Amino acid sequence: MKAKQLVTISLAFLVIVSCTRQISNQQLTTNFANAATTITPTDGNISAPSNKSANKTTIKSGTFVSGEHTTQGTVRITQKEGRSFIELDQSFKTSTSGPDLVVVLHRSDNVIGSTKPPAYSLKKGDYIVIAPLKKYIGTQNYLIPNNINLAVYKSVAIWCRQFNATFGAASLSN
């Protein structure tokens, strides 16, 4: 019985050593919430990118109010390293009913109050589309092109382009 256990342990050891050698010269990279962590199996060192959020400045922020569909959460306009971003926080949530949802900057400081239910339609020239909505819930970031004058825009909205329906909007304040 002891001989069988010794053989089993020896085989397990050889498999582990073999697997370790196969990946010893490779680096494994895993992406968790947009922060890459690199693990080098041979020495066990873990290196994560430096957290440069200390350089990030919040310019404006607001809280979403619902329009066509329930929309909630906080949005911030931030600047980091000379670039501006729209950041939706972890409490962001909107309906999955839209086929063509986009994130827009809007000129009005009261998008929902200045539009008509039930769709809360937007008028061409009052907004600029930043990007398609990445996901219906949770933290996400959108780069604002450098040629956009942020002083002109007073709200961020989640808008269904196909049906011209505003799901929700957040008035921005300093």
Foldseek 3Di string as FASTA:
>chain_A
DVVVVVVVVVVVVVVVVVVCVVQQPDWDWDADPNKIWIARSNVGDIDTDDDPCVQKDWDKKWWKCFALWGWTFMWTWIDHPRWIKIKTAQATAFDPPAPWKFKKFFQDLCQRVVADPDFSADDPPGIDTQGTDPDRGHIDMTTHDPPDDCVRTFKMFIARPVVRGTGIMTGIDD
